[in-house]
């Protein structure tokens, strides 16, 4: 159970990374020069944080193959995460409501998570989703375009890989913002020449009927083991003296 919760924490962090993909700077770097493209991305993420609810759907490659992760948020303290293995269709879920959390595998019953784990999930949600990000990275504007039928403004993250990064020219990141609402549409990790198959892709939606409630199908708590009664003395044995 603890392993399931830890996985969820890491995936919340992964979702936050998909939103911004910040670039690490040297500690002694100077103040940043003005960058309206970076400011556009920061403003879109700020608008997302100020919304009352939203859904992030991510498609990724994991150690167990392709997977889909859907995370519903109702701010400030409700989350429902569902991970589906594309090949096996197996699912795992976590619901967080305030300082309580539950998890389940497949269609099984929900199991309460320990208070410590629920608190860690709540902290990660606060830090990754709600708190303002200090650095979203340096973006360049790629102009207006169509993305999955929507009018969007597109932005490319100008990564600054380390000297030993052997894959610095093999991938790049794009961020798309709805041209009308200013809200995020998608964040993608792409390979040049294969843009139709993103390595990682997160899309954002704002369903009006989104609800996150505590589960009702909760497994009963396991009963403590029964105490083992003392063995009866053998027939004819002398009882042990009492102190």
C-alpha atoms as a PDB file:
ATOM      1  CA  UNK A   1       0.000   0.000   0.000  1.00  0.00           C
ATOM      2  CA  UNK A   2       2.802   2.418   0.875  1.00  0.00           C
ATOM      3  CA  UNK A   3       4.451   1.665  -2.475  1.00  0.00           C
ATOM      4  CA  UNK A   4       1.254   2.645  -4.288  1.00  0.00           C
ATOM      5  CA  UNK A   5       1.126   5.966  -2.462  1.00  0.00           C
ATOM      6  CA  UNK A   6       4.770   6.744  -3.186  1.00  0.00           C
ATOM      7  CA  UNK A   7       4.174   6.081  -6.876  1.00  0.00           C
ATOM      8  CA  UNK A   8       1.292   8.538  -6.775  1.00  0.00           C
ATOM      9  CA  UNK A   9       3.473  11.200  -5.211  1.00  0.00           C
ATOM     10  CA  UNK A  10       6.059  10.817  -7.943  1.00  0.00           C
ATOM     11  CA  UNK A  11       3.373  11.058 -10.608  1.00  0.00           C
ATOM     12  CA  UNK A  12       1.971  14.247  -9.154  1.00  0.00           C
ATOM     13  CA  UNK A  13       5.462  15.670  -9.462  1.00  0.00           C
ATOM     14  CA  UNK A  14       5.632  14.353 -13.020  1.00  0.00           C
ATOM     15  CA  UNK A  15       2.405  16.162 -13.821  1.00  0.00           C
ATOM     16  CA  UNK A  16       3.814  19.390 -12.482  1.00  0.00           C
ATOM     17  CA  UNK A  17       6.958  18.929 -14.560  1.00  0.00           C
ATOM     18  CA  UNK A  18       4.841  18.454 -17.661  1.00  0.00           C
ATOM     19  CA  UNK A  19       3.253  21.842 -17.014  1.00  0.00           C
ATOM     20  CA  UNK A  20       6.460  23.839 -16.952  1.00  0.00           C
ATOM     21  CA  UNK A  21       9.582  21.781 -17.684  1.00  0.00           C
ATOM     22  CA  UNK A  22      11.814  24.284 -15.838  1.00  0.00           C
ATOM     23  CA  UNK A  23      15.411  24.683 -16.940  1.00  0.00           C
ATOM     24  CA  UNK A  24      18.178  24.480 -14.347  1.00  0.00           C
ATOM     25  CA  UNK A  25      20.460  27.493 -14.225  1.00  0.00           C
ATOM     26  CA  UNK A  26      23.910  27.914 -12.750  1.00  0.00           C
ATOM     27  CA  UNK A  27      23.827  29.279  -9.222  1.00  0.00           C
ATOM     28  CA  UNK A  28      25.791  32.344 -10.261  1.00  0.00           C
ATOM     29  CA  UNK A  29      23.725  33.250 -13.314  1.00  0.00           C
ATOM     30  CA  UNK A  30      22.678  36.868 -13.730  1.00  0.00           C
ATOM     31  CA  UNK A  31      19.144  38.234 -13.624  1.00  0.00           C
ATOM     32  CA  UNK A  32      17.033  37.100 -16.542  1.00  0.00           C
ATOM     33  CA  UNK A  33      16.544  39.305 -19.542  1.00  0.00           C
ATOM     34  CA  UNK A  34      12.955  40.211 -20.502  1.00  0.00           C
ATOM     35  CA  UNK A  35      11.235  37.388 -22.378  1.00  0.00           C
ATOM     36  CA  UNK A  36       7.581  37.915 -23.368  1.00  0.00           C
ATOM     37  CA  UNK A  37       7.314  34.307 -24.577  1.00  0.00           C
ATOM     38  CA  UNK A  38       8.344  32.968 -21.169  1.00  0.00           C
ATOM     39  CA  UNK A  39       5.920  35.416 -19.574  1.00  0.00           C
ATOM     40  CA  UNK A  40       3.074  34.063 -21.737  1.00  0.00           C
ATOM     41  CA  UNK A  41       3.729  30.519 -20.516  1.00  0.00           C
ATOM     42  CA  UNK A  42       4.002  31.676 -16.890  1.00  0.00           C
ATOM     43  CA  UNK A  43       0.721  33.578 -17.221  1.00  0.00           C
ATOM     44  CA  UNK A  44      -1.065  30.523 -18.652  1.00  0.00           C
ATOM     45  CA  UNK A  45       0.157  28.344 -15.768  1.00  0.00           C
ATOM     46  CA  UNK A  46      -0.871  31.059 -13.329  1.00  0.00           C
ATOM     47  CA  UNK A  47      -4.355  31.050 -14.837  1.00  0.00           C
ATOM     48  CA  UNK A  48      -4.458  27.272 -14.458  1.00  0.00           C
ATOM     49  CA  UNK A  49      -3.578  27.525 -10.756  1.00  0.00           C
ATOM     50  CA  UNK A  50      -6.334  30.073 -10.216  1.00  0.00           C
ATOM     51  CA  UNK A  51      -9.010  27.877 -11.822  1.00  0.00           C
ATOM     52  CA  UNK A  52     -11.297  26.011  -9.450  1.00  0.00           C
ATOM     53  CA  UNK A  53     -10.906  22.667 -11.207  1.00  0.00           C
ATOM     54  CA  UNK A  54      -9.197  21.007 -14.146  1.00  0.00           C
ATOM     55  CA  UNK A  55      -8.135  17.634 -15.545  1.00  0.00           C
ATOM     56  CA  UNK A  56      -4.677  16.625 -16.753  1.00  0.00           C
ATOM     57  CA  UNK A  57      -4.415  13.606 -19.044  1.00  0.00           C
ATOM     58  CA  UNK A  58      -0.902  12.338 -19.745  1.00  0.00           C
ATOM     59  CA  UNK A  59       0.323   9.710 -22.185  1.00  0.00           C
ATOM     60  CA  UNK A  60       3.777   8.337 -21.430  1.00  0.00           C
ATOM     61  CA  UNK A  61       6.172   5.427 -21.742  1.00  0.00           C
ATOM     62  CA  UNK A  62       6.908   3.661 -18.445  1.00  0.00           C
ATOM     63  CA  UNK A  63       9.033   0.666 -17.457  1.00  0.00           C
ATOM     64  CA  UNK A  64       5.905  -1.453 -17.966  1.00  0.00           C
ATOM     65  CA  UNK A  65       5.072  -0.007 -21.367  1.00  0.00           C
ATOM     66  CA  UNK A  66       2.742   2.780 -22.555  1.00  0.00           C
ATOM     67  CA  UNK A  67       0.463   4.196 -19.865  1.00  0.00           C
ATOM     68  CA  UNK A  68      -2.216   6.841 -19.471  1.00  0.00           C
ATOM     69  CA  UNK A  69      -2.576   8.923 -16.343  1.00  0.00           C
ATOM     70  CA  UNK A  70      -5.645  11.057 -15.697  1.00  0.00           C
ATOM     71  CA  UNK A  71      -5.565  13.396 -12.727  1.00  0.00           C
ATOM     72  CA  UNK A  72      -8.641  15.411 -11.753  1.00  0.00           C
ATOM     73  CA  UNK A  73      -8.139  18.381  -9.448  1.00  0.00           C
ATOM     74  CA  UNK A  74     -10.648  20.391  -7.470  1.00  0.00           C
ATOM     75  CA  UNK A  75      -8.612  23.051  -5.746  1.00  0.00           C
ATOM     76  CA  UNK A  76      -7.379  23.429  -3.142  1.00  0.00           C
ATOM     77  CA  UNK A  77      -7.409  19.907  -1.684  1.00  0.00           C
ATOM     78  CA  UNK A  78      -9.135  17.289  -3.854  1.00  0.00           C
ATOM     79  CA  UNK A  79      -7.505  14.955  -6.363  1.00  0.00           C
ATOM     80  CA  UNK A  80      -8.422  11.769  -8.193  1.00  0.00           C
ATOM     81  CA  UNK A  81      -5.610  10.004 -10.031  1.00  0.00           C
ATOM     82  CA  UNK A  82      -6.097   6.997 -12.305  1.00  0.00           C
ATOM     83  CA  UNK A  83      -3.252   5.216 -14.091  1.00  0.00           C
ATOM     84  CA  UNK A  84      -3.997   2.707 -16.861  1.00  0.00           C
ATOM     85  CA  UNK A  85      -1.488   0.358 -18.464  1.00  0.00           C
ATOM     86  CA  UNK A  86      -2.351   0.488 -22.169  1.00  0.00           C
ATOM     87  CA  UNK A  87      -1.389  -3.134 -22.893  1.00  0.00           C
ATOM     88  CA  UNK A  88      -2.914  -4.897 -19.887  1.00  0.00           C
ATOM     89  CA  UNK A  89      -5.717  -2.391 -19.153  1.00  0.00           C
ATOM     90  CA  UNK A  90      -4.855  -2.736 -15.466  1.00  0.00           C
ATOM     91  CA  UNK A  91      -5.614   0.352 -13.415  1.00  0.00           C
ATOM     92  CA  UNK A  92      -4.627   1.855 -10.097  1.00  0.00           C
ATOM     93  CA  UNK A  93      -6.313   4.822  -8.456  1.00  0.00           C
ATOM     94  CA  UNK A  94      -5.910   7.244  -5.588  1.00  0.00           C
ATOM     95  CA  UNK A  95      -8.457   9.715  -4.223  1.00  0.00           C
ATOM     96  CA  UNK A  96      -7.396  12.576  -1.968  1.00  0.00           C
ATOM     97  CA  UNK A  97      -9.973  14.663  -0.085  1.00  0.00           C
ATOM     98  CA  UNK A  98      -8.513  17.083   2.444  1.00  0.00           C
ATOM     99  CA  UNK A  99      -6.232  15.095   4.718  1.00  0.00           C
ATOM    100  CA  UNK A 100      -7.743  11.701   3.846  1.00  0.00           C
ATOM    101  CA  UNK A 101      -6.756   9.431   0.975  1.00  0.00           C
ATOM    102  CA  UNK A 102      -7.741   6.033  -0.426  1.00  0.00           C
ATOM    103  CA  UNK A 103      -6.299   3.721  -3.082  1.00  0.00           C
ATOM    104  CA  UNK A 104      -7.399   0.676  -5.058  1.00  0.00           C
ATOM    105  CA  UNK A 105      -6.265  -1.655  -7.809  1.00  0.00           C
ATOM    106  CA  UNK A 106      -8.629  -2.432 -10.683  1.00  0.00           C
ATOM    107  CA  UNK A 107     -12.255  -2.661  -9.581  1.00  0.00           C
ATOM    108  CA  UNK A 108     -11.402  -3.747  -6.059  1.00  0.00           C
ATOM    109  CA  UNK A 109     -12.535  -2.048  -2.906  1.00  0.00           C
ATOM    110  CA  UNK A 110     -10.929   1.183  -1.768  1.00  0.00           C
ATOM    111  CA  UNK A 111      -8.419   1.001   1.063  1.00  0.00           C
ATOM    112  CA  UNK A 112      -7.670   3.971   3.354  1.00  0.00           C
ATOM    113  CA  UNK A 113      -4.089   5.215   3.236  1.00  0.00           C
ATOM    114  CA  UNK A 114      -2.215   6.074   6.389  1.00  0.00           C
ATOM    115  CA  UNK A 115      -2.491   9.658   7.607  1.00  0.00           C
ATOM    116  CA  UNK A 116       1.230  10.230   6.968  1.00  0.00           C
ATOM    117  CA  UNK A 117       0.904   9.204   3.311  1.00  0.00           C
ATOM    118  CA  UNK A 118      -2.233  11.307   2.848  1.00  0.00           C
ATOM    119  CA  UNK A 119      -0.340  14.265   4.282  1.00  0.00           C
ATOM    120  CA  UNK A 120       2.518  13.715   1.835  1.00  0.00           C
ATOM    121  CA  UNK A 121       0.067  13.657  -1.061  1.00  0.00           C
ATOM    122  CA  UNK A 122      -1.537  16.885   0.133  1.00  0.00           C
ATOM    123  CA  UNK A 123       1.869  18.552   0.469  1.00  0.00           C
ATOM    124  CA  UNK A 124       2.897  17.459  -3.019  1.00  0.00           C
ATOM    125  CA  UNK A 125      -0.348  18.789  -4.462  1.00  0.00           C
ATOM    126  CA  UNK A 126       0.212  22.129  -2.751  1.00  0.00           C
ATOM    127  CA  UNK A 127       3.806  22.449  -3.934  1.00  0.00           C
ATOM    128  CA  UNK A 128       3.351  21.056  -7.460  1.00  0.00           C
ATOM    129  CA  UNK A 129      -0.051  22.363  -8.465  1.00  0.00           C
ATOM    130  CA  UNK A 130      -1.144  25.282  -6.303  1.00  0.00           C
ATOM    131  CA  UNK A 131       2.016  27.196  -5.370  1.00  0.00           C
ATOM    132  CA  UNK A 132       3.372  29.633  -7.921  1.00  0.00           C
ATOM    133  CA  UNK A 133       6.382  28.365  -9.821  1.00  0.00           C
ATOM    134  CA  UNK A 134       9.513  30.503  -9.648  1.00  0.00           C
ATOM    135  CA  UNK A 135      10.924  29.439 -13.016  1.00  0.00           C
ATOM    136  CA  UNK A 136       9.065  28.018 -15.992  1.00  0.00           C
ATOM    137  CA  UNK A 137      12.121  27.976 -18.237  1.00  0.00           C
ATOM    138  CA  UNK A 138      13.093  30.042 -21.264  1.00  0.00           C
ATOM    139  CA  UNK A 139      10.615  29.816 -24.149  1.00  0.00           C
ATOM    140  CA  UNK A 140      10.590  31.156 -27.700  1.00  0.00           C
ATOM    141  CA  UNK A 141       7.384  32.027 -29.518  1.00  0.00           C
ATOM    142  CA  UNK A 142       6.518  29.736 -32.441  1.00  0.00           C
ATOM    143  CA  UNK A 143       3.461  31.682 -33.546  1.00  0.00           C
ATOM    144  CA  UNK A 144      -0.246  30.924 -33.907  1.00  0.00           C
ATOM    145  CA  UNK A 145      -1.213  27.520 -35.241  1.00  0.00           C
ATOM    146  CA  UNK A 146      -3.864  24.792 -35.131  1.00  0.00           C
ATOM    147  CA  UNK A 147      -3.419  22.067 -32.539  1.00  0.00           C
ATOM    148  CA  UNK A 148      -5.942  19.233 -32.613  1.00  0.00           C
ATOM    149  CA  UNK A 149      -8.502  21.557 -34.178  1.00  0.00           C
ATOM    150  CA  UNK A 150      -7.998  24.462 -31.756  1.00  0.00           C
ATOM    151  CA  UNK A 151      -6.469  27.885 -32.347  1.00  0.00           C
ATOM    152  CA  UNK A 152      -3.390  28.036 -30.153  1.00  0.00           C
ATOM    153  CA  UNK A 153      -0.231  30.002 -29.556  1.00  0.00           C
ATOM    154  CA  UNK A 154       2.790  27.691 -29.580  1.00  0.00           C
ATOM    155  CA  UNK A 155       5.998  27.959 -27.561  1.00  0.00           C
ATOM    156  CA  UNK A 156       9.247  26.003 -27.657  1.00  0.00           C
ATOM    157  CA  UNK A 157      11.342  25.457 -24.544  1.00  0.00           C
ATOM    158  CA  UNK A 158      14.951  26.417 -25.139  1.00  0.00           C
ATOM    159  CA  UNK A 159      16.679  23.701 -23.113  1.00  0.00           C
ATOM    160  CA  UNK A 160      20.186  24.124 -21.811  1.00  0.00           C
ATOM    161  CA  UNK A 161      21.531  20.583 -21.392  1.00  0.00           C
ATOM    162  CA  UNK A 162      24.701  19.783 -19.505  1.00  0.00           C
ATOM    163  CA  UNK A 163      27.960  19.104 -21.281  1.00  0.00           C
ATOM    164  CA  UNK A 164      27.557  15.353 -20.832  1.00  0.00           C
ATOM    165  CA  UNK A 165      23.995  15.196 -22.133  1.00  0.00           C
ATOM    166  CA  UNK A 166      24.250  12.756 -25.023  1.00  0.00           C
ATOM    167  CA  UNK A 167      20.638  13.296 -26.100  1.00  0.00           C
ATOM    168  CA  UNK A 168      20.549  17.101 -26.222  1.00  0.00           C
ATOM    169  CA  UNK A 169      19.617  17.206 -29.922  1.00  0.00           C
ATOM    170  CA  UNK A 170      17.143  14.342 -29.932  1.00  0.00           C
ATOM    171  CA  UNK A 171      14.117  15.852 -28.199  1.00  0.00           C
ATOM    172  CA  UNK A 172      12.449  19.211 -27.665  1.00  0.00           C
ATOM    173  CA  UNK A 173       9.462  20.467 -25.687  1.00  0.00           C
ATOM    174  CA  UNK A 174       6.433  22.380 -26.898  1.00  0.00           C
ATOM    175  CA  UNK A 175       3.758  24.204 -24.933  1.00  0.00           C
ATOM    176  CA  UNK A 176       0.395  25.238 -26.417  1.00  0.00           C
ATOM    177  CA  UNK A 177      -1.934  27.939 -25.073  1.00  0.00           C
ATOM    178  CA  UNK A 178      -5.547  28.486 -26.123  1.00  0.00           C
ATOM    179  CA  UNK A 179      -5.615  31.657 -28.208  1.00  0.00           C
ATOM    180  CA  UNK A 180      -8.997  32.734 -26.793  1.00  0.00           C
ATOM    181  CA  UNK A 181      -8.865  31.814 -23.112  1.00  0.00           C
ATOM    182  CA  UNK A 182      -5.130  32.006 -22.394  1.00  0.00           C
ATOM    183  CA  UNK A 183      -5.298  28.627 -20.637  1.00  0.00           C
ATOM    184  CA  UNK A 184      -2.897  25.731 -21.296  1.00  0.00           C
ATOM    185  CA  UNK A 185      -3.950  23.234 -23.957  1.00  0.00           C
ATOM    186  CA  UNK A 186      -1.047  20.787 -24.124  1.00  0.00           C
ATOM    187  CA  UNK A 187       2.600  20.182 -23.192  1.00  0.00           C
ATOM    188  CA  UNK A 188       4.593  17.703 -25.287  1.00  0.00           C
ATOM    189  CA  UNK A 189       8.039  16.126 -25.503  1.00  0.00           C
ATOM    190  CA  UNK A 190       8.837  15.519 -29.173  1.00  0.00           C
ATOM    191  CA  UNK A 191      11.472  13.885 -31.367  1.00  0.00           C
ATOM    192  CA  UNK A 192      12.413  15.791 -34.543  1.00  0.00           C
ATOM    193  CA  UNK A 193      10.836  14.138 -37.561  1.00  0.00           C
ATOM    194  CA  UNK A 194       8.373  12.158 -35.421  1.00  0.00           C
ATOM    195  CA  UNK A 195       6.195  14.923 -34.001  1.00  0.00           C
ATOM    196  CA  UNK A 196       3.044  12.852 -34.562  1.00  0.00           C
ATOM    197  CA  UNK A 197       4.171  10.459 -31.790  1.00  0.00           C
ATOM    198  CA  UNK A 198       5.122  12.447 -28.670  1.00  0.00           C
ATOM    199  CA  UNK A 199       7.280  10.679 -26.091  1.00  0.00           C
ATOM    200  CA  UNK A 200       5.267  12.422 -23.401  1.00  0.00           C
ATOM    201  CA  UNK A 201       2.083  14.432 -23.773  1.00  0.00           C
ATOM    202  CA  UNK A 202      -0.181  16.177 -21.287  1.00  0.00           C
ATOM    203  CA  UNK A 203      -3.479  17.786 -22.220  1.00  0.00           C
ATOM    204  CA  UNK A 204      -5.634  20.050 -20.053  1.00  0.00           C
ATOM    205  CA  UNK A 205      -9.419  20.131 -19.822  1.00  0.00           C
ATOM    206  CA  UNK A 206     -11.986  21.891 -17.637  1.00  0.00           C
ATOM    207  CA  UNK A 207     -15.079  19.643 -17.388  1.00  0.00           C
ATOM    208  CA  UNK A 208     -18.054  21.437 -15.860  1.00  0.00           C
ATOM    209  CA  UNK A 209     -19.377  18.272 -14.183  1.00  0.00           C
ATOM    210  CA  UNK A 210     -16.143  17.341 -12.400  1.00  0.00           C
ATOM    211  CA  UNK A 211     -16.685  15.916  -8.907  1.00  0.00           C
ATOM    212  CA  UNK A 212     -14.339  14.281  -6.415  1.00  0.00           C
ATOM    213  CA  UNK A 213     -15.936  12.665  -3.381  1.00  0.00           C
ATOM    214  CA  UNK A 214     -14.702  10.155  -0.795  1.00  0.00           C
ATOM    215  CA  UNK A 215     -15.292   6.577  -2.036  1.00  0.00           C
ATOM    216  CA  UNK A 216     -18.171   4.577  -0.594  1.00  0.00           C
ATOM    217  CA  UNK A 217     -16.945   1.079  -1.446  1.00  0.00           C
ATOM    218  CA  UNK A 218     -14.278   0.919   1.264  1.00  0.00           C
ATOM    219  CA  UNK A 219     -12.774  -2.360   2.432  1.00  0.00           C
ATOM    220  CA  UNK A 220     -13.345  -3.023   6.159  1.00  0.00           C
ATOM    221  CA  UNK A 221     -10.327  -2.578   8.363  1.00  0.00           C
ATOM    222  CA  UNK A 222      -8.511  -5.825   9.086  1.00  0.00           C
ATOM    223  CA  UNK A 223      -9.384  -7.247  12.510  1.00  0.00           C
ATOM    224  CA  UNK A 224      -6.462  -7.519  14.949  1.00  0.00           C
ATOM    225  CA  UNK A 225      -5.190 -11.082  15.432  1.00  0.00           C
ATOM    226  CA  UNK A 226      -6.964 -12.954  18.206  1.00  0.00           C
ATOM    227  CA  UNK A 227      -4.944 -13.599  21.345  1.00  0.00           C
ATOM    228  CA  UNK A 228      -3.790 -17.199  21.685  1.00  0.00           C
ATOM    229  CA  UNK A 229      -5.283 -18.755  24.864  1.00  0.00           C
ATOM    230  CA  UNK A 230      -2.833 -20.443  27.239  1.00  0.00           C
ATOM    231  CA  UNK A 231      -2.509 -24.169  26.743  1.00  0.00           C
ATOM    232  CA  UNK A 232      -4.497 -26.274  29.224  1.00  0.00           C
ATOM    233  CA  UNK A 233      -2.309 -28.306  31.617  1.00  0.00           C
ATOM    234  CA  UNK A 234      -1.999 -31.957  30.802  1.00  0.00           C
ATOM    235  CA  UNK A 235      -4.205 -34.279  32.795  1.00  0.00           C
ATOM    236  CA  UNK A 236      -2.590 -35.074  36.101  1.00  0.00           C
ATOM    237  CA  UNK A 237       0.021 -32.310  35.813  1.00  0.00           C
ATOM    238  CA  UNK A 238       0.725 -30.128  38.817  1.00  0.00           C
ATOM    239  CA  UNK A 239      -0.305 -26.512  38.157  1.00  0.00           C
ATOM    240  CA  UNK A 240       2.558 -24.023  38.123  1.00  0.00           C
ATOM    241  CA  UNK A 241       2.810 -22.012  41.356  1.00  0.00           C
ATOM    242  CA  UNK A 242       1.492 -18.433  41.211  1.00  0.00           C
ATOM    243  CA  UNK A 243       3.773 -15.576  42.194  1.00  0.00           C
END
